[in-house]
Amino acid sequence: MINQTKTIATEQVVSPISSSKLNKKSLCDYVLNVASGCLHGCTFCYVPSTPVIRMRGKALQEKGVSDPQLDWGDYLFVRDEVPEQLEARLARNPKWKETASGKGVVMLCSGTDPYQNGQTAKVTRACVQVLLNHGKRVRILTRSPLWTKDLDILVHPNVTVGMSLPHLDDNISRQVEPGAPLPSDRLKALEMGKFAGCRLYVAMAPTAPVHGVEDFQRYFDAVLPLNPEVIFWEPINARGSNGKRMIDAGIDWVSQVTTQKQWADNFYSQYNQIIQVLQERSAIHLLHPWFDPALPTIGGVDINSWFYRPTIEQWGE
């Protein structure tokens, strides 16, 4: 549900950085979240349904959040002490995990947007500086163009910046991600990053079932000239509380993917269309789909081969 009143405050955490299982999706080995909650209010977001939010329900309610899942988009608790905690952690314990698929990368962020407003942007910048000072690899994932103000530190061989850009339709964006910057603004930010020499990638996720071949053609014709090092992709999965949030937001096409069969059929349909479009543009090597373990095997696609598969991104020593 989208409320007029937003709860914005600060909070403290015990550990600034966590080992992550997102190496299964070839994103990172560690995650760093500069806040809990998010103001973008993406109706499809999976984060409110995760154990992290469910287990913190009582604590969040004590902070004024009536329903941490359904009120997603209406609260943000910034962790402004994380940069100092991160510096202390790295100085105290330099031991570091590096898997083949995670490459020792730290992702900002997995549970919020690192550049959603000035407060989180300030914390994010400080964290990136700490990580680079310690020789760590950094992956930024955001929907906000605010990162372009930090190009002085983000144009770096150990940093790659990605934007969640499911499509180029501003009207759909206003409906499904009401608090997020429009896709047209995200595309402009990527153009600025390319001009500055920033390493880039794109998360084409999640695509809506209303998107088809012509949409994908327009999308890749706009994105490929930006030279992304990898294009992650997955379609919308209306499961858990995110399905209810989409229905409550009046998104009629969500009914096309509410059952597991509908979702699986749409997944493979879009997957085949995207492969076709990228093959026509000699760019199939850039695609890195995020398959879901719950998907049935259809058409001989080896789903398991994509789990823990390293991306084609190249990181320096």
C-alpha atoms as a PDB file:
ATOM      1  CA  MET A   1       0.000   0.000   0.000  1.00  0.00           C
ATOM      2  CA  ILE A   2       1.251   3.505  -0.789  1.00  0.00           C
ATOM      3  CA  ASN A   3       0.897   6.017   2.018  1.00  0.00           C
ATOM      4  CA  GLN A   4       1.410   9.772   1.951  1.00  0.00           C
ATOM      5  CA  THR A   5       3.601   9.690   5.070  1.00  0.00           C
ATOM      6  CA  LYS A   6       7.116   8.254   4.864  1.00  0.00           C
ATOM      7  CA  THR A   7       9.090   7.084   7.885  1.00  0.00           C
ATOM      8  CA  ILE A   8      12.751   8.091   7.505  1.00  0.00           C
ATOM      9  CA  ALA A   9      15.188   7.659  10.382  1.00  0.00           C
ATOM     10  CA  THR A  10      18.502   6.023  11.249  1.00  0.00           C
ATOM     11  CA  GLU A  11      19.419   2.694  12.786  1.00  0.00           C
ATOM     12  CA  GLN A  12      22.476   0.825  13.981  1.00  0.00           C
ATOM     13  CA  VAL A  13      23.680  -2.629  12.992  1.00  0.00           C
ATOM     14  CA  VAL A  14      26.130  -5.000  14.620  1.00  0.00           C
ATOM     15  CA  SER A  15      27.873  -6.122  11.429  1.00  0.00           C
ATOM     16  CA  PRO A  16      28.304  -3.762   8.445  1.00  0.00           C
ATOM     17  CA  ILE A  17      28.964  -6.475   5.872  1.00  0.00           C
ATOM     18  CA  SER A  18      27.698 -10.026   5.392  1.00  0.00           C
ATOM     19  CA  SER A  19      28.772 -13.069   3.447  1.00  0.00           C
ATOM     20  CA  SER A  20      26.193 -13.663   0.725  1.00  0.00           C
ATOM     21  CA  LYS A  21      24.673 -16.550  -1.193  1.00  0.00           C
ATOM     22  CA  LEU A  22      24.220 -14.283  -4.216  1.00  0.00           C
ATOM     23  CA  ASN A  23      27.250 -15.934  -5.772  1.00  0.00           C
ATOM     24  CA  LYS A  24      24.624 -18.414  -6.972  1.00  0.00           C
ATOM     25  CA  LYS A  25      23.364 -15.572  -9.201  1.00  0.00           C
ATOM     26  CA  SER A  26      26.966 -14.565  -9.992  1.00  0.00           C
ATOM     27  CA  LEU A  27      26.631 -11.178  -8.320  1.00  0.00           C
ATOM     28  CA  CYS A  28      28.970 -11.140  -5.335  1.00  0.00           C
ATOM     29  CA  ASP A  29      30.403 -12.902  -2.303  1.00  0.00           C
ATOM     30  CA  TYR A  30      29.465 -10.160   0.168  1.00  0.00           C
ATOM     31  CA  VAL A  31      26.620  -7.697   0.559  1.00  0.00           C
ATOM     32  CA  LEU A  32      26.557  -4.352   2.297  1.00  0.00           C
ATOM     33  CA  ASN A  33      23.217  -2.662   2.926  1.00  0.00           C
ATOM     34  CA  VAL A  34      23.407   1.029   3.794  1.00  0.00           C
ATOM     35  CA  ALA A  35      19.810   1.032   5.071  1.00  0.00           C
ATOM     36  CA  SER A  36      16.793  -1.134   5.764  1.00  0.00           C
ATOM     37  CA  GLY A  37      13.592  -0.391   3.933  1.00  0.00           C
ATOM     38  CA  CYS A  38      13.375   1.427   0.614  1.00  0.00           C
ATOM     39  CA  LEU A  39      11.450   4.443  -0.650  1.00  0.00           C
ATOM     40  CA  HIS A  40      11.133   3.293  -4.259  1.00  0.00           C
ATOM     41  CA  GLY A  41       8.094   1.189  -3.386  1.00  0.00           C
ATOM     42  CA  CYS A  42       8.574  -1.330  -6.194  1.00  0.00           C
ATOM     43  CA  THR A  43       5.453  -3.485  -6.031  1.00  0.00           C
ATOM     44  CA  PHE A  44       7.306  -6.553  -7.330  1.00  0.00           C
ATOM     45  CA  CYS A  45      10.182  -6.342  -4.839  1.00  0.00           C
ATOM     46  CA  TYR A  46      11.086  -9.649  -3.197  1.00  0.00           C
ATOM     47  CA  VAL A  47      12.855  -8.100  -0.195  1.00  0.00           C
ATOM     48  CA  PRO A  48       9.749  -7.578   2.012  1.00  0.00           C
ATOM     49  CA  SER A  49       9.032 -11.306   1.753  1.00  0.00           C
ATOM     50  CA  THR A  50      12.502 -12.360   2.894  1.00  0.00           C
ATOM     51  CA  PRO A  51      13.221 -13.705   6.384  1.00  0.00           C
ATOM     52  CA  VAL A  52      15.307 -10.588   7.099  1.00  0.00           C
ATOM     53  CA  ILE A  53      12.192  -8.397   7.023  1.00  0.00           C
ATOM     54  CA  ARG A  54       9.788 -10.964   8.463  1.00  0.00           C
ATOM     55  CA  MET A  55      12.036 -11.622  11.457  1.00  0.00           C
ATOM     56  CA  ARG A  56      12.366  -7.899  12.118  1.00  0.00           C
ATOM     57  CA  GLY A  57       8.615  -7.311  12.047  1.00  0.00           C
ATOM     58  CA  LYS A  58       8.259  -6.491  15.722  1.00  0.00           C
ATOM     59  CA  ALA A  59      11.326  -4.234  15.766  1.00  0.00           C
ATOM     60  CA  LEU A  60      10.089  -2.325  12.729  1.00  0.00           C
ATOM     61  CA  GLN A  61       6.627  -1.963  14.233  1.00  0.00           C
ATOM     62  CA  GLU A  62       8.222  -0.414  17.306  1.00  0.00           C
ATOM     63  CA  LYS A  63       9.772   2.140  14.950  1.00  0.00           C
ATOM     64  CA  GLY A  64       6.365   3.080  13.573  1.00  0.00           C
ATOM     65  CA  VAL A  65       6.021   0.671  10.645  1.00  0.00           C
ATOM     66  CA  SER A  66       2.595  -0.947  10.948  1.00  0.00           C
ATOM     67  CA  ASP A  67       3.117  -3.687   8.332  1.00  0.00           C
ATOM     68  CA  PRO A  68       6.759  -4.122   7.193  1.00  0.00           C
ATOM     69  CA  GLN A  69       5.709  -6.140   4.132  1.00  0.00           C
ATOM     70  CA  LEU A  70       2.687  -4.275   2.812  1.00  0.00           C
ATOM     71  CA  ASP A  71       4.086  -0.869   3.781  1.00  0.00           C
ATOM     72  CA  TRP A  72       7.229  -1.482   1.746  1.00  0.00           C
ATOM     73  CA  GLY A  73       8.140   1.812   0.111  1.00  0.00           C
ATOM     74  CA  ASP A  74       7.017   3.915   3.064  1.00  0.00           C
ATOM     75  CA  TYR A  75       9.974   3.508   5.413  1.00  0.00           C
ATOM     76  CA  LEU A  76      13.744   3.868   5.361  1.00  0.00           C
ATOM     77  CA  PHE A  77      16.228   3.495   8.202  1.00  0.00           C
ATOM     78  CA  VAL A  78      19.672   4.722   7.160  1.00  0.00           C
ATOM     79  CA  ARG A  79      22.737   3.071   8.684  1.00  0.00           C
ATOM     80  CA  ASP A  80      24.984   6.126   8.813  1.00  0.00           C
ATOM     81  CA  GLU A  81      27.616   4.488  11.031  1.00  0.00           C
ATOM     82  CA  VAL A  82      28.368   1.695   8.557  1.00  0.00           C
ATOM     83  CA  PRO A  83      31.450   3.317   6.921  1.00  0.00           C
ATOM     84  CA  GLU A  84      33.266   3.542  10.254  1.00  0.00           C
ATOM     85  CA  GLN A  85      32.185   0.015  11.187  1.00  0.00           C
ATOM     86  CA  LEU A  86      33.346  -1.254   7.801  1.00  0.00           C
ATOM     87  CA  GLU A  87      36.776   0.325   8.198  1.00  0.00           C
ATOM     88  CA  ALA A  88      37.157  -1.274  11.625  1.00  0.00           C
ATOM     89  CA  ARG A  89      36.015  -4.672  10.322  1.00  0.00           C
ATOM     90  CA  LEU A  90      38.442  -4.700   7.393  1.00  0.00           C
ATOM     91  CA  ALA A  91      41.340  -3.472   9.506  1.00  0.00           C
ATOM     92  CA  ARG A  92      40.639  -6.039  12.224  1.00  0.00           C
ATOM     93  CA  ASN A  93      39.955  -9.055  10.017  1.00  0.00           C
ATOM     94  CA  PRO A  94      41.496  -8.953   6.527  1.00  0.00           C
ATOM     95  CA  LYS A  95      40.489 -12.563   5.766  1.00  0.00           C
ATOM     96  CA  TRP A  96      38.395 -12.567   2.599  1.00  0.00           C
ATOM     97  CA  LYS A  97      36.277 -15.132   0.754  1.00  0.00           C
ATOM     98  CA  GLU A  98      36.447 -15.317  -3.026  1.00  0.00           C
ATOM     99  CA  THR A  99      34.412 -17.861  -4.986  1.00  0.00           C
ATOM    100  CA  ALA A 100      34.620 -18.441  -8.737  1.00  0.00           C
ATOM    101  CA  SER A 101      31.175 -16.944  -9.323  1.00  0.00           C
ATOM    102  CA  GLY A 102      31.214 -14.251  -6.627  1.00  0.00           C
ATOM    103  CA  LYS A 103      34.800 -13.130  -7.333  1.00  0.00           C
ATOM    104  CA  GLY A 104      35.150 -11.611  -3.863  1.00  0.00           C
ATOM    105  CA  VAL A 105      32.871  -8.755  -4.896  1.00  0.00           C
ATOM    106  CA  VAL A 106      30.939  -6.629  -2.393  1.00  0.00           C
ATOM    107  CA  MET A 107      27.500  -5.587  -3.644  1.00  0.00           C
ATOM    108  CA  LEU A 108      25.759  -2.409  -2.559  1.00  0.00           C
ATOM    109  CA  CYS A 109      22.986  -3.241  -2.034  1.00  0.00           C
ATOM    110  CA  SER A 110      20.909  -6.431  -1.924  1.00  0.00           C
ATOM    111  CA  GLY A 111      18.071  -5.241   0.316  1.00  0.00           C
ATOM    112  CA  THR A 112      17.742  -1.537  -0.451  1.00  0.00           C
ATOM    113  CA  ASP A 113      18.869   1.046  -3.005  1.00  0.00           C
ATOM    114  CA  PRO A 114      22.272   2.593  -2.239  1.00  0.00           C
ATOM    115  CA  TYR A 115      21.493   5.854  -4.062  1.00  0.00           C
ATOM    116  CA  GLN A 116      17.790   6.340  -3.387  1.00  0.00           C
ATOM    117  CA  ASN A 117      18.305   9.688  -1.642  1.00  0.00           C
ATOM    118  CA  GLY A 118      21.022  12.010  -0.403  1.00  0.00           C
ATOM    119  CA  GLN A 119      21.383  10.218   2.927  1.00  0.00           C
ATOM    120  CA  THR A 120      21.990   6.770   1.485  1.00  0.00           C
ATOM    121  CA  ALA A 121      24.179   8.236  -1.260  1.00  0.00           C
ATOM    122  CA  LYS A 122      26.450   9.814   1.353  1.00  0.00           C
ATOM    123  CA  VAL A 123      26.828   6.527   3.236  1.00  0.00           C
ATOM    124  CA  THR A 124      27.365   4.613  -0.004  1.00  0.00           C
ATOM    125  CA  ARG A 125      30.117   6.941  -1.178  1.00  0.00           C
ATOM    126  CA  ALA A 126      31.959   6.591   2.121  1.00  0.00           C
ATOM    127  CA  CYS A 127      31.628   2.786   2.031  1.00  0.00           C
ATOM    128  CA  VAL A 128      32.950   2.575  -1.525  1.00  0.00           C
ATOM    129  CA  GLN A 129      35.963   4.655  -0.535  1.00  0.00           C
ATOM    130  CA  VAL A 130      36.693   2.332   2.391  1.00  0.00           C
ATOM    131  CA  LEU A 131      36.367  -0.772   0.221  1.00  0.00           C
ATOM    132  CA  LEU A 132      38.637   0.608  -2.491  1.00  0.00           C
ATOM    133  CA  ASN A 133      41.212   1.672   0.083  1.00  0.00           C
ATOM    134  CA  HIS A 134      41.336  -1.973   1.155  1.00  0.00           C
ATOM    135  CA  GLY A 135      41.602  -3.238  -2.427  1.00  0.00           C
ATOM    136  CA  LYS A 136      38.104  -4.745  -2.602  1.00  0.00           C
ATOM    137  CA  ARG A 137      35.891  -5.180  -5.662  1.00  0.00           C
ATOM    138  CA  VAL A 138      32.605  -3.297  -5.643  1.00  0.00           C
ATOM    139  CA  ARG A 139      29.307  -3.824  -7.457  1.00  0.00           C
ATOM    140  CA  ILE A 140      26.715  -1.039  -7.292  1.00  0.00           C
ATOM    141  CA  LEU A 141      23.087  -1.853  -8.146  1.00  0.00           C
ATOM    142  CA  THR A 142      20.626   1.034  -8.158  1.00  0.00           C
ATOM    143  CA  ARG A 143      17.574   2.563  -9.784  1.00  0.00           C
ATOM    144  CA  SER A 144      18.693   6.116  -9.066  1.00  0.00           C
ATOM    145  CA  PRO A 145      20.826   8.438 -11.233  1.00  0.00           C
ATOM    146  CA  LEU A 146      22.414   9.940  -8.087  1.00  0.00           C
ATOM    147  CA  TRP A 147      25.468   7.733  -8.581  1.00  0.00           C
ATOM    148  CA  THR A 148      26.569   9.992 -11.426  1.00  0.00           C
ATOM    149  CA  LYS A 149      27.586  12.537  -8.769  1.00  0.00           C
ATOM    150  CA  ASP A 150      30.202  10.041  -7.545  1.00  0.00           C
ATOM    151  CA  LEU A 151      31.922   9.366 -10.848  1.00  0.00           C
ATOM    152  CA  ASP A 152      35.166  10.661  -9.361  1.00  0.00           C
ATOM    153  CA  ILE A 153      35.402   7.446  -7.315  1.00  0.00           C
ATOM    154  CA  LEU A 154      33.181   5.089  -9.333  1.00  0.00           C
ATOM    155  CA  VAL A 155      35.285   5.283 -12.486  1.00  0.00           C
ATOM    156  CA  HIS A 156      37.670   2.660 -11.182  1.00  0.00           C
ATOM    157  CA  PRO A 157      38.766  -0.795 -12.401  1.00  0.00           C
ATOM    158  CA  ASN A 158      37.481  -2.369  -9.173  1.00  0.00           C
ATOM    159  CA  VAL A 159      34.001  -0.837  -9.465  1.00  0.00           C
ATOM    160  CA  THR A 160      31.133  -1.768 -11.752  1.00  0.00           C
ATOM    161  CA  VAL A 161      27.880   0.178 -11.691  1.00  0.00           C
ATOM    162  CA  GLY A 162      24.609  -1.399 -12.697  1.00  0.00           C
ATOM    163  CA  MET A 163      21.143  -0.020 -13.043  1.00  0.00           C
ATOM    164  CA  SER A 164      17.956  -1.992 -12.586  1.00  0.00           C
ATOM    165  CA  LEU A 165      16.354  -1.238 -15.925  1.00  0.00           C
ATOM    166  CA  PRO A 166      13.608  -3.790 -16.632  1.00  0.00           C
ATOM    167  CA  HIS A 167      12.247  -1.888 -19.646  1.00  0.00           C
ATOM    168  CA  LEU A 168      12.082   1.576 -21.208  1.00  0.00           C
ATOM    169  CA  ASP A 169       8.390   2.255 -20.518  1.00  0.00           C
ATOM    170  CA  ASP A 170       7.998   5.252 -18.182  1.00  0.00           C
ATOM    171  CA  ASN A 171       4.241   4.682 -17.876  1.00  0.00           C
ATOM    172  CA  ILE A 172       4.610   1.113 -16.613  1.00  0.00           C
ATOM    173  CA  SER A 173       7.337   2.293 -14.256  1.00  0.00           C
ATOM    174  CA  ARG A 174       5.024   4.882 -12.685  1.00  0.00           C
ATOM    175  CA  GLN A 175       2.602   2.078 -11.912  1.00  0.00           C
ATOM    176  CA  VAL A 176       4.877  -0.712 -10.667  1.00  0.00           C
ATOM    177  CA  GLU A 177       7.749   1.274  -9.102  1.00  0.00           C
ATOM    178  CA  PRO A 178       6.006   4.524  -8.082  1.00  0.00           C
ATOM    179  CA  GLY A 179       8.839   5.979  -6.016  1.00  0.00           C
ATOM    180  CA  ALA A 180      11.699   5.153  -8.375  1.00  0.00           C
ATOM    181  CA  PRO A 181      13.287   7.394 -11.013  1.00  0.00           C
ATOM    182  CA  LEU A 182      11.904   6.808 -14.501  1.00  0.00           C
ATOM    183  CA  PRO A 183      13.637   4.426 -16.929  1.00  0.00           C
ATOM    184  CA  SER A 184      14.366   7.351 -19.252  1.00  0.00           C
ATOM    185  CA  ASP A 185      16.353   9.009 -16.452  1.00  0.00           C
ATOM    186  CA  ARG A 186      18.201   5.780 -15.678  1.00  0.00           C
ATOM    187  CA  LEU A 187      19.180   5.441 -19.328  1.00  0.00           C
ATOM    188  CA  LYS A 188      20.575   8.992 -19.299  1.00  0.00           C
ATOM    189  CA  ALA A 189      22.599   8.127 -16.192  1.00  0.00           C
ATOM    190  CA  LEU A 190      24.096   5.100 -17.935  1.00  0.00           C
ATOM    191  CA  GLU A 191      24.995   7.304 -20.901  1.00  0.00           C
ATOM    192  CA  MET A 192      26.790   9.686 -18.528  1.00  0.00           C
ATOM    193  CA  GLY A 193      28.619   6.773 -16.957  1.00  0.00           C
ATOM    194  CA  LYS A 194      29.749   5.453 -20.321  1.00  0.00           C
ATOM    195  CA  PHE A 195      30.999   8.890 -21.371  1.00  0.00           C
ATOM    196  CA  ALA A 196      32.985   9.133 -18.136  1.00  0.00           C
ATOM    197  CA  GLY A 197      34.560   5.705 -18.648  1.00  0.00           C
ATOM    198  CA  CYS A 198      32.680   3.845 -15.919  1.00  0.00           C
ATOM    199  CA  ARG A 199      32.384   0.066 -16.015  1.00  0.00           C
ATOM    200  CA  LEU A 200      28.685  -0.682 -16.508  1.00  0.00           C
ATOM    201  CA  TYR A 201      26.187  -3.516 -16.424  1.00  0.00           C
ATOM    202  CA  VAL A 202      22.401  -3.740 -16.596  1.00  0.00           C
ATOM    203  CA  ALA A 203      19.864  -5.718 -14.589  1.00  0.00           C
ATOM    204  CA  MET A 204      16.967  -6.193 -16.983  1.00  0.00           C
ATOM    205  CA  ALA A 205      14.786  -7.289 -14.139  1.00  0.00           C
ATOM    206  CA  PRO A 206      12.017  -7.911 -13.688  1.00  0.00           C
ATOM    207  CA  THR A 207      10.377  -7.780 -17.099  1.00  0.00           C
ATOM    208  CA  ALA A 208       6.576  -7.653 -17.220  1.00  0.00           C
ATOM    209  CA  PRO A 209       4.524 -10.256 -19.118  1.00  0.00           C
ATOM    210  CA  VAL A 210       3.208  -7.502 -21.411  1.00  0.00           C
ATOM    211  CA  HIS A 211       6.667  -7.081 -22.946  1.00  0.00           C
ATOM    212  CA  GLY A 212       7.471  -8.873 -26.180  1.00  0.00           C
ATOM    213  CA  VAL A 213       9.889  -8.994 -29.092  1.00  0.00           C
ATOM    214  CA  GLU A 214       9.402  -5.393 -30.246  1.00  0.00           C
ATOM    215  CA  ASP A 215       9.940  -4.125 -26.699  1.00  0.00           C
ATOM    216  CA  PHE A 216      13.118  -6.168 -26.390  1.00  0.00           C
ATOM    217  CA  GLN A 217      14.354  -4.897 -29.758  1.00  0.00           C
ATOM    218  CA  ARG A 218      13.928  -1.267 -28.664  1.00  0.00           C
ATOM    219  CA  TYR A 219      15.487  -2.054 -25.311  1.00  0.00           C
ATOM    220  CA  PHE A 220      18.670  -3.614 -26.636  1.00  0.00           C
ATOM    221  CA  ASP A 221      19.029  -1.006 -29.374  1.00  0.00           C
ATOM    222  CA  ALA A 222      19.182   1.569 -26.573  1.00  0.00           C
ATOM    223  CA  VAL A 223      21.293  -0.413 -24.100  1.00  0.00           C
ATOM    224  CA  LEU A 224      23.900  -2.183 -26.232  1.00  0.00           C
ATOM    225  CA  PRO A 225      25.605   1.066 -27.391  1.00  0.00           C
ATOM    226  CA  LEU A 226      26.402   1.702 -23.703  1.00  0.00           C
ATOM    227  CA  ASN A 227      28.762  -1.306 -23.756  1.00  0.00           C
ATOM    228  CA  PRO A 228      27.444  -3.112 -20.663  1.00  0.00           C
ATOM    229  CA  GLU A 229      29.788  -5.874 -19.540  1.00  0.00           C
ATOM    230  CA  VAL A 230      26.866  -8.152 -18.700  1.00  0.00           C
ATOM    231  CA  ILE A 231      23.065  -8.047 -18.905  1.00  0.00           C
ATOM    232  CA  PHE A 232      21.309  -9.884 -16.102  1.00  0.00           C
ATOM    233  CA  TRP A 233      17.682 -10.824 -16.742  1.00  0.00           C
ATOM    234  CA  GLU A 234      14.630 -12.340 -15.097  1.00  0.00           C
ATOM    235  CA  PRO A 235      10.849 -11.803 -15.426  1.00  0.00           C
ATOM    236  CA  ILE A 236       8.384 -10.815 -12.740  1.00  0.00           C
ATOM    237  CA  ASN A 237       7.434 -13.549 -10.305  1.00  0.00           C
ATOM    238  CA  ALA A 238       4.228 -12.621  -8.460  1.00  0.00           C
ATOM    239  CA  ARG A 239       4.870 -14.650  -5.340  1.00  0.00           C
ATOM    240  CA  GLY A 240       4.474 -13.855  -1.659  1.00  0.00           C
ATOM    241  CA  SER A 241       3.478 -10.380  -0.576  1.00  0.00           C
ATOM    242  CA  ASN A 242       4.731  -8.794  -3.789  1.00  0.00           C
ATOM    243  CA  GLY A 243       1.858 -10.383  -5.723  1.00  0.00           C
ATOM    244  CA  LYS A 244      -0.622  -8.855  -3.277  1.00  0.00           C
ATOM    245  CA  ARG A 245       1.080  -5.467  -3.523  1.00  0.00           C
ATOM    246  CA  MET A 246       0.826  -5.534  -7.316  1.00  0.00           C
ATOM    247  CA  ILE A 247      -2.843  -6.471  -7.161  1.00  0.00           C
ATOM    248  CA  ASP A 248      -3.498  -3.731  -4.589  1.00  0.00           C
ATOM    249  CA  ALA A 249      -1.783  -1.259  -6.925  1.00  0.00           C
ATOM    250  CA  GLY A 250      -4.286  -2.113  -9.662  1.00  0.00           C
ATOM    251  CA  ILE A 251      -1.799  -3.787 -11.993  1.00  0.00           C
ATOM    252  CA  ASP A 252      -4.139  -5.892 -14.099  1.00  0.00           C
ATOM    253  CA  TRP A 253      -1.531  -7.867 -16.031  1.00  0.00           C
ATOM    254  CA  VAL A 254      -0.235  -9.479 -12.844  1.00  0.00           C
ATOM    255  CA  SER A 255      -3.050 -12.021 -13.298  1.00  0.00           C
ATOM    256  CA  GLN A 256      -1.035 -13.420 -16.226  1.00  0.00           C
ATOM    257  CA  VAL A 257       1.701 -14.735 -13.917  1.00  0.00           C
ATOM    258  CA  THR A 258      -0.016 -15.610 -10.642  1.00  0.00           C
ATOM    259  CA  THR A 259       0.162 -19.397 -10.998  1.00  0.00           C
ATOM    260  CA  GLN A 260       3.419 -21.321 -11.236  1.00  0.00           C
ATOM    261  CA  LYS A 261       2.528 -22.590 -14.723  1.00  0.00           C
ATOM    262  CA  GLN A 262       1.752 -19.076 -15.978  1.00  0.00           C
ATOM    263  CA  TRP A 263       4.983 -17.782 -14.517  1.00  0.00           C
ATOM    264  CA  ALA A 264       7.053 -20.642 -16.002  1.00  0.00           C
ATOM    265  CA  ASP A 265       5.419 -20.301 -19.432  1.00  0.00           C
ATOM    266  CA  ASN A 266       6.094 -16.562 -19.438  1.00  0.00           C
ATOM    267  CA  PHE A 267       9.665 -17.118 -18.273  1.00  0.00           C
ATOM    268  CA  TYR A 268      10.552 -19.399 -21.168  1.00  0.00           C
ATOM    269  CA  SER A 269       8.588 -17.360 -23.705  1.00  0.00           C
ATOM    270  CA  GLN A 270      10.478 -14.183 -22.853  1.00  0.00           C
ATOM    271  CA  TYR A 271      13.764 -16.061 -22.541  1.00  0.00           C
ATOM    272  CA  ASN A 272      13.458 -17.364 -26.106  1.00  0.00           C
ATOM    273  CA  GLN A 273      12.438 -13.944 -27.424  1.00  0.00           C
ATOM    274  CA  ILE A 274      15.388 -12.239 -25.739  1.00  0.00           C
ATOM    275  CA  ILE A 275      17.809 -14.852 -27.080  1.00  0.00           C
ATOM    276  CA  GLN A 276      16.448 -14.264 -30.586  1.00  0.00           C
ATOM    277  CA  VAL A 277      16.836 -10.487 -30.336  1.00  0.00           C
ATOM    278  CA  LEU A 278      20.355 -10.673 -28.908  1.00  0.00           C
ATOM    279  CA  GLN A 279      21.480 -13.227 -31.491  1.00  0.00           C
ATOM    280  CA  GLU A 280      20.319 -10.869 -34.231  1.00  0.00           C
ATOM    281  CA  ARG A 281      22.584  -8.223 -32.662  1.00  0.00           C
ATOM    282  CA  SER A 282      25.546 -10.559 -32.069  1.00  0.00           C
ATOM    283  CA  ALA A 283      25.286  -9.893 -28.345  1.00  0.00           C
ATOM    284  CA  ILE A 284      24.049 -13.178 -26.908  1.00  0.00           C
ATOM    285  CA  HIS A 285      27.313 -13.511 -24.950  1.00  0.00           C
ATOM    286  CA  LEU A 286      26.215 -10.633 -22.704  1.00  0.00           C
ATOM    287  CA  LEU A 287      23.066 -12.350 -21.423  1.00  0.00           C
ATOM    288  CA  HIS A 288      23.182 -13.833 -17.933  1.00  0.00           C
ATOM    289  CA  PRO A 289      19.696 -15.068 -16.984  1.00  0.00           C
ATOM    290  CA  TRP A 290      18.720 -15.573 -13.377  1.00  0.00           C
ATOM    291  CA  PHE A 291      16.923 -18.908 -13.485  1.00  0.00           C
ATOM    292  CA  ASP A 292      14.771 -19.916 -10.545  1.00  0.00           C
ATOM    293  CA  PRO A 293      15.271 -23.407  -9.059  1.00  0.00           C
ATOM    294  CA  ALA A 294      11.480 -23.825  -9.057  1.00  0.00           C
ATOM    295  CA  LEU A 295      11.328 -23.672 -12.852  1.00  0.00           C
ATOM    296  CA  PRO A 296      10.561 -26.922 -14.665  1.00  0.00           C
ATOM    297  CA  THR A 297      12.991 -27.911 -17.411  1.00  0.00           C
ATOM    298  CA  ILE A 298      11.452 -27.059 -20.773  1.00  0.00           C
ATOM    299  CA  GLY A 299      12.968 -27.276 -24.230  1.00  0.00           C
ATOM    300  CA  GLY A 300      16.204 -28.798 -23.062  1.00  0.00           C
ATOM    301  CA  VAL A 301      17.379 -25.677 -21.215  1.00  0.00           C
ATOM    302  CA  ASP A 302      19.935 -26.694 -18.593  1.00  0.00           C
ATOM    303  CA  ILE A 303      18.860 -24.478 -15.695  1.00  0.00           C
ATOM    304  CA  ASN A 304      21.466 -25.817 -13.294  1.00  0.00           C
ATOM    305  CA  SER A 305      24.304 -24.790 -15.591  1.00  0.00           C
ATOM    306  CA  TRP A 306      23.511 -21.137 -14.856  1.00  0.00           C
ATOM    307  CA  PHE A 307      23.813 -21.436 -11.089  1.00  0.00           C
ATOM    308  CA  TYR A 308      27.231 -20.284  -9.859  1.00  0.00           C
ATOM    309  CA  ARG A 309      28.328 -19.581 -13.423  1.00  0.00           C
ATOM    310  CA  PRO A 310      30.872 -16.724 -13.479  1.00  0.00           C
ATOM    311  CA  THR A 311      29.874 -13.724 -15.562  1.00  0.00           C
ATOM    312  CA  ILE A 312      32.039 -12.619 -18.465  1.00  0.00           C
ATOM    313  CA  GLU A 313      33.057  -9.518 -16.507  1.00  0.00           C
ATOM    314  CA  GLN A 314      36.810  -9.096 -16.127  1.00  0.00           C
ATOM    315  CA  TRP A 315      38.247  -7.917 -12.821  1.00  0.00           C
ATOM    316  CA  GLY A 316      41.861  -6.886 -12.331  1.00  0.00           C
ATOM    317  CA  GLU A 317      44.096  -8.303  -9.646  1.00  0.00           C
END
